[in-house]
């Protein structure tokens, strides 16, 4: 995932190069990593609970950060129309 983020080029967008193999590959990798991290968070929430208990998912700061990153990753996958 870190390598995928390092390879990201903000100037390689769908409008300028719609069939860029590098951009398309990175988009697919982004979706795969988002799905895996979402699955991981869901499994941990089911196993430990969300709020209640001393081992609940949101009682640990790292898990709160992890959940924030998962939510941002999901939001990144949503289709957004840009207006110029």
N, C-alpha and C. Protein backbone atom coordinates (compact mmCIF):
# COMPACT_ATOMS: atom_id res chain seq x y z
N UNK A 1 0.82 -1.18 0.00
CA UNK A 1 0.00 0.00 0.00
C UNK A 1 0.87 1.26 0.00
N UNK A 2 1.96 1.26 0.76
CA UNK A 2 2.84 2.41 0.81
C UNK A 2 3.50 2.65 -0.54
N UNK A 3 3.90 1.59 -1.21
CA UNK A 3 4.50 1.71 -2.53
C UNK A 3 3.48 2.26 -3.52
N UNK A 4 2.25 1.79 -3.42
CA UNK A 4 1.19 2.28 -4.30
C UNK A 4 0.98 3.77 -4.08
N UNK A 5 1.01 4.22 -2.85
CA UNK A 5 0.86 5.64 -2.57
C UNK A 5 2.05 6.45 -3.09
N UNK A 6 3.24 5.89 -2.98
CA UNK A 6 4.42 6.59 -3.48
C UNK A 6 4.42 6.72 -5.00
N UNK A 7 3.82 5.77 -5.69
CA UNK A 7 3.78 5.80 -7.15
C UNK A 7 2.68 6.72 -7.70
N UNK A 8 1.80 7.18 -6.84
CA UNK A 8 0.69 8.03 -7.27
C UNK A 8 1.21 9.33 -7.88
N UNK A 9 0.68 9.70 -9.03
CA UNK A 9 1.03 10.94 -9.71
C UNK A 9 -0.24 11.79 -9.84
N UNK A 10 -0.34 12.91 -9.13
CA UNK A 10 -1.56 13.71 -9.17
C UNK A 10 -1.84 14.32 -10.54
N UNK A 11 -0.84 14.38 -11.40
CA UNK A 11 -1.03 14.96 -12.73
C UNK A 11 -1.45 13.93 -13.77
N UNK A 12 -1.45 12.67 -13.39
CA UNK A 12 -1.87 11.59 -14.29
C UNK A 12 -3.34 11.31 -13.99
N UNK A 13 -4.24 12.09 -14.59
CA UNK A 13 -5.66 11.94 -14.29
C UNK A 13 -6.42 11.42 -15.49
N UNK A 14 -7.66 11.04 -15.25
CA UNK A 14 -8.48 10.40 -16.29
C UNK A 14 -8.79 11.36 -17.44
N UNK A 15 -8.85 12.65 -17.18
CA UNK A 15 -9.17 13.60 -18.24
C UNK A 15 -8.02 13.75 -19.23
N UNK A 16 -6.80 13.80 -18.71
CA UNK A 16 -5.66 14.02 -19.60
C UNK A 16 -5.19 12.74 -20.28
N UNK A 17 -5.24 11.61 -19.57
CA UNK A 17 -4.79 10.33 -20.13
C UNK A 17 -5.75 9.24 -19.68
N UNK A 18 -6.86 9.06 -20.38
CA UNK A 18 -7.91 8.13 -19.93
C UNK A 18 -7.49 6.66 -19.94
N UNK A 19 -6.49 6.29 -20.72
CA UNK A 19 -6.10 4.87 -20.79
C UNK A 19 -4.70 4.62 -20.25
N UNK A 20 -4.23 5.45 -19.36
CA UNK A 20 -2.90 5.27 -18.79
C UNK A 20 -2.85 3.96 -18.00
N UNK A 21 -2.01 3.00 -18.42
CA UNK A 21 -1.95 1.73 -17.70
C UNK A 21 -1.50 1.89 -16.25
N UNK A 22 -0.59 2.82 -16.02
CA UNK A 22 -0.09 3.03 -14.66
C UNK A 22 -1.22 3.54 -13.76
N UNK A 23 -1.98 4.54 -14.24
CA UNK A 23 -3.08 5.09 -13.45
C UNK A 23 -4.15 4.04 -13.19
N UNK A 24 -4.50 3.27 -14.23
CA UNK A 24 -5.52 2.23 -14.08
C UNK A 24 -5.08 1.16 -13.08
N UNK A 25 -3.81 0.77 -13.15
CA UNK A 25 -3.28 -0.22 -12.21
C UNK A 25 -3.33 0.29 -10.78
N UNK A 26 -2.94 1.55 -10.59
CA UNK A 26 -2.97 2.13 -9.25
C UNK A 26 -4.40 2.27 -8.72
N UNK A 27 -5.35 2.55 -9.60
CA UNK A 27 -6.76 2.63 -9.18
C UNK A 27 -7.27 1.27 -8.71
N UNK A 28 -6.91 0.22 -9.45
CA UNK A 28 -7.32 -1.13 -9.06
C UNK A 28 -6.67 -1.52 -7.74
N UNK A 29 -5.38 -1.22 -7.58
CA UNK A 29 -4.70 -1.51 -6.32
C UNK A 29 -5.33 -0.75 -5.16
N UNK A 30 -5.71 0.49 -5.40
CA UNK A 30 -6.37 1.28 -4.36
C UNK A 30 -7.67 0.63 -3.92
N UNK A 31 -8.45 0.15 -4.88
CA UNK A 31 -9.71 -0.52 -4.54
C UNK A 31 -9.46 -1.80 -3.76
N UNK A 32 -8.45 -2.56 -4.15
CA UNK A 32 -8.13 -3.81 -3.46
C UNK A 32 -7.70 -3.53 -2.03
N UNK A 33 -6.80 -2.56 -1.84
CA UNK A 33 -6.34 -2.23 -0.48
C UNK A 33 -7.48 -1.69 0.37
N UNK A 34 -8.32 -0.86 -0.21
CA UNK A 34 -9.47 -0.34 0.55
C UNK A 34 -10.38 -1.48 1.00
N UNK A 35 -10.62 -2.44 0.11
CA UNK A 35 -11.47 -3.58 0.46
C UNK A 35 -10.83 -4.41 1.57
N UNK A 36 -9.53 -4.65 1.48
CA UNK A 36 -8.85 -5.44 2.52
C UNK A 36 -8.86 -4.73 3.86
N UNK A 37 -8.58 -3.42 3.88
CA UNK A 37 -8.58 -2.69 5.14
C UNK A 37 -9.97 -2.58 5.73
N UNK A 38 -10.98 -2.45 4.87
CA UNK A 38 -12.37 -2.42 5.35
C UNK A 38 -12.74 -3.76 5.97
N UNK A 39 -12.37 -4.85 5.30
CA UNK A 39 -12.64 -6.19 5.83
C UNK A 39 -11.94 -6.39 7.17
N UNK A 40 -10.69 -5.95 7.27
CA UNK A 40 -9.95 -6.07 8.53
C UNK A 40 -10.67 -5.33 9.66
N UNK A 41 -11.09 -4.10 9.39
CA UNK A 41 -11.79 -3.31 10.41
C UNK A 41 -13.10 -3.99 10.81
N UNK A 42 -13.83 -4.51 9.83
CA UNK A 42 -15.11 -5.17 10.14
C UNK A 42 -14.89 -6.41 10.99
N UNK A 43 -13.88 -7.19 10.68
CA UNK A 43 -13.60 -8.41 11.46
C UNK A 43 -13.23 -8.04 12.89
N UNK A 44 -12.40 -7.01 13.06
CA UNK A 44 -12.01 -6.59 14.40
C UNK A 44 -13.21 -6.05 15.18
N UNK A 45 -14.09 -5.33 14.50
CA UNK A 45 -15.28 -4.79 15.17
C UNK A 45 -16.19 -5.93 15.61
N UNK A 46 -16.39 -6.92 14.76
CA UNK A 46 -17.23 -8.07 15.11
C UNK A 46 -16.59 -8.86 16.25
N UNK A 47 -15.29 -9.03 16.21
CA UNK A 47 -14.61 -9.83 17.23
C UNK A 47 -14.55 -9.16 18.59
N UNK A 48 -14.32 -7.85 18.61
CA UNK A 48 -14.11 -7.14 19.87
C UNK A 48 -15.28 -6.25 20.28
N UNK A 49 -16.20 -6.00 19.38
CA UNK A 49 -17.27 -5.05 19.66
C UNK A 49 -16.81 -3.66 19.29
N UNK A 50 -17.76 -2.77 19.09
CA UNK A 50 -17.41 -1.42 18.66
C UNK A 50 -17.10 -0.50 19.83
N UNK A 51 -18.00 -0.45 20.83
CA UNK A 51 -17.84 0.48 21.95
C UNK A 51 -17.65 -0.20 23.30
N UNK A 52 -18.45 -1.23 23.55
CA UNK A 52 -18.53 -1.79 24.89
C UNK A 52 -17.42 -2.80 25.16
N UNK A 53 -16.91 -2.77 26.37
CA UNK A 53 -15.88 -3.71 26.79
C UNK A 53 -14.50 -3.09 26.81
N UNK A 54 -13.60 -3.71 27.56
CA UNK A 54 -12.26 -3.14 27.69
C UNK A 54 -11.40 -3.38 26.45
N UNK A 55 -11.78 -4.31 25.58
CA UNK A 55 -11.05 -4.56 24.34
C UNK A 55 -11.84 -4.12 23.11
N UNK A 56 -12.84 -3.28 23.30
CA UNK A 56 -13.66 -2.82 22.19
C UNK A 56 -12.80 -2.08 21.17
N UNK A 57 -13.24 -2.13 19.93
CA UNK A 57 -12.47 -1.59 18.80
C UNK A 57 -12.11 -0.12 18.99
N UNK A 58 -13.06 0.69 19.39
CA UNK A 58 -12.81 2.12 19.48
C UNK A 58 -12.16 2.57 20.78
N UNK A 59 -11.80 1.63 21.66
CA UNK A 59 -11.10 2.01 22.88
C UNK A 59 -9.62 2.23 22.63
N UNK A 60 -9.09 1.72 21.52
CA UNK A 60 -7.67 1.90 21.20
C UNK A 60 -7.50 3.01 20.17
N UNK A 61 -6.54 3.89 20.42
CA UNK A 61 -6.30 5.03 19.52
C UNK A 61 -5.91 4.57 18.11
N UNK A 62 -5.12 3.51 18.01
CA UNK A 62 -4.70 3.03 16.68
C UNK A 62 -5.90 2.55 15.87
N UNK A 63 -6.85 1.93 16.54
CA UNK A 63 -8.04 1.47 15.84
C UNK A 63 -8.91 2.64 15.39
N UNK A 64 -8.97 3.70 16.19
CA UNK A 64 -9.72 4.89 15.76
C UNK A 64 -9.07 5.50 14.53
N UNK A 65 -7.73 5.58 14.52
CA UNK A 65 -7.02 6.07 13.35
C UNK A 65 -7.27 5.16 12.15
N UNK A 66 -7.21 3.87 12.37
CA UNK A 66 -7.45 2.89 11.32
C UNK A 66 -8.85 3.06 10.73
N UNK A 67 -9.85 3.22 11.58
CA UNK A 67 -11.22 3.40 11.11
C UNK A 67 -11.37 4.70 10.32
N UNK A 68 -10.71 5.77 10.77
CA UNK A 68 -10.73 7.03 10.04
C UNK A 68 -10.15 6.85 8.63
N UNK A 69 -9.03 6.15 8.53
CA UNK A 69 -8.39 5.91 7.24
C UNK A 69 -9.29 5.05 6.35
N UNK A 70 -9.95 4.06 6.92
CA UNK A 70 -10.87 3.22 6.15
C UNK A 70 -12.02 4.05 5.61
N UNK A 71 -12.59 4.92 6.43
CA UNK A 71 -13.71 5.75 5.99
C UNK A 71 -13.26 6.70 4.88
N UNK A 72 -12.09 7.32 5.03
CA UNK A 72 -11.57 8.21 3.99
C UNK A 72 -11.31 7.42 2.71
N UNK A 73 -10.80 6.21 2.84
CA UNK A 73 -10.58 5.37 1.66
C UNK A 73 -11.87 5.03 0.94
N UNK A 74 -12.92 4.77 1.69
CA UNK A 74 -14.22 4.48 1.08
C UNK A 74 -14.77 5.74 0.40
N UNK A 75 -14.63 6.88 1.05
CA UNK A 75 -15.09 8.13 0.45
C UNK A 75 -14.33 8.43 -0.85
N UNK A 76 -13.06 8.06 -0.88
CA UNK A 76 -12.24 8.28 -2.08
C UNK A 76 -12.76 7.45 -3.26
N UNK A 77 -13.39 6.33 -2.99
CA UNK A 77 -13.89 5.47 -4.04
C UNK A 77 -15.23 5.93 -4.60
N UNK A 78 -15.91 6.83 -3.89
CA UNK A 78 -17.22 7.31 -4.35
C UNK A 78 -17.05 8.16 -5.61
N UNK A 79 -17.95 8.02 -6.55
CA UNK A 79 -17.86 8.83 -7.77
C UNK A 79 -18.24 10.29 -7.46
N UNK A 80 -17.37 11.18 -7.83
CA UNK A 80 -17.60 12.60 -7.58
C UNK A 80 -17.48 13.34 -8.91
N UNK A 81 -18.50 14.11 -9.22
CA UNK A 81 -18.49 14.91 -10.45
C UNK A 81 -17.76 16.21 -10.20
N UNK A 82 -16.82 16.53 -11.07
CA UNK A 82 -16.12 17.81 -10.95
C UNK A 82 -16.71 18.80 -11.93
N UNK A 83 -16.80 20.03 -11.49
CA UNK A 83 -17.32 21.08 -12.38
C UNK A 83 -16.21 22.08 -12.63
N UNK A 84 -16.10 22.51 -13.84
CA UNK A 84 -15.07 23.49 -14.21
C UNK A 84 -15.70 24.80 -14.60
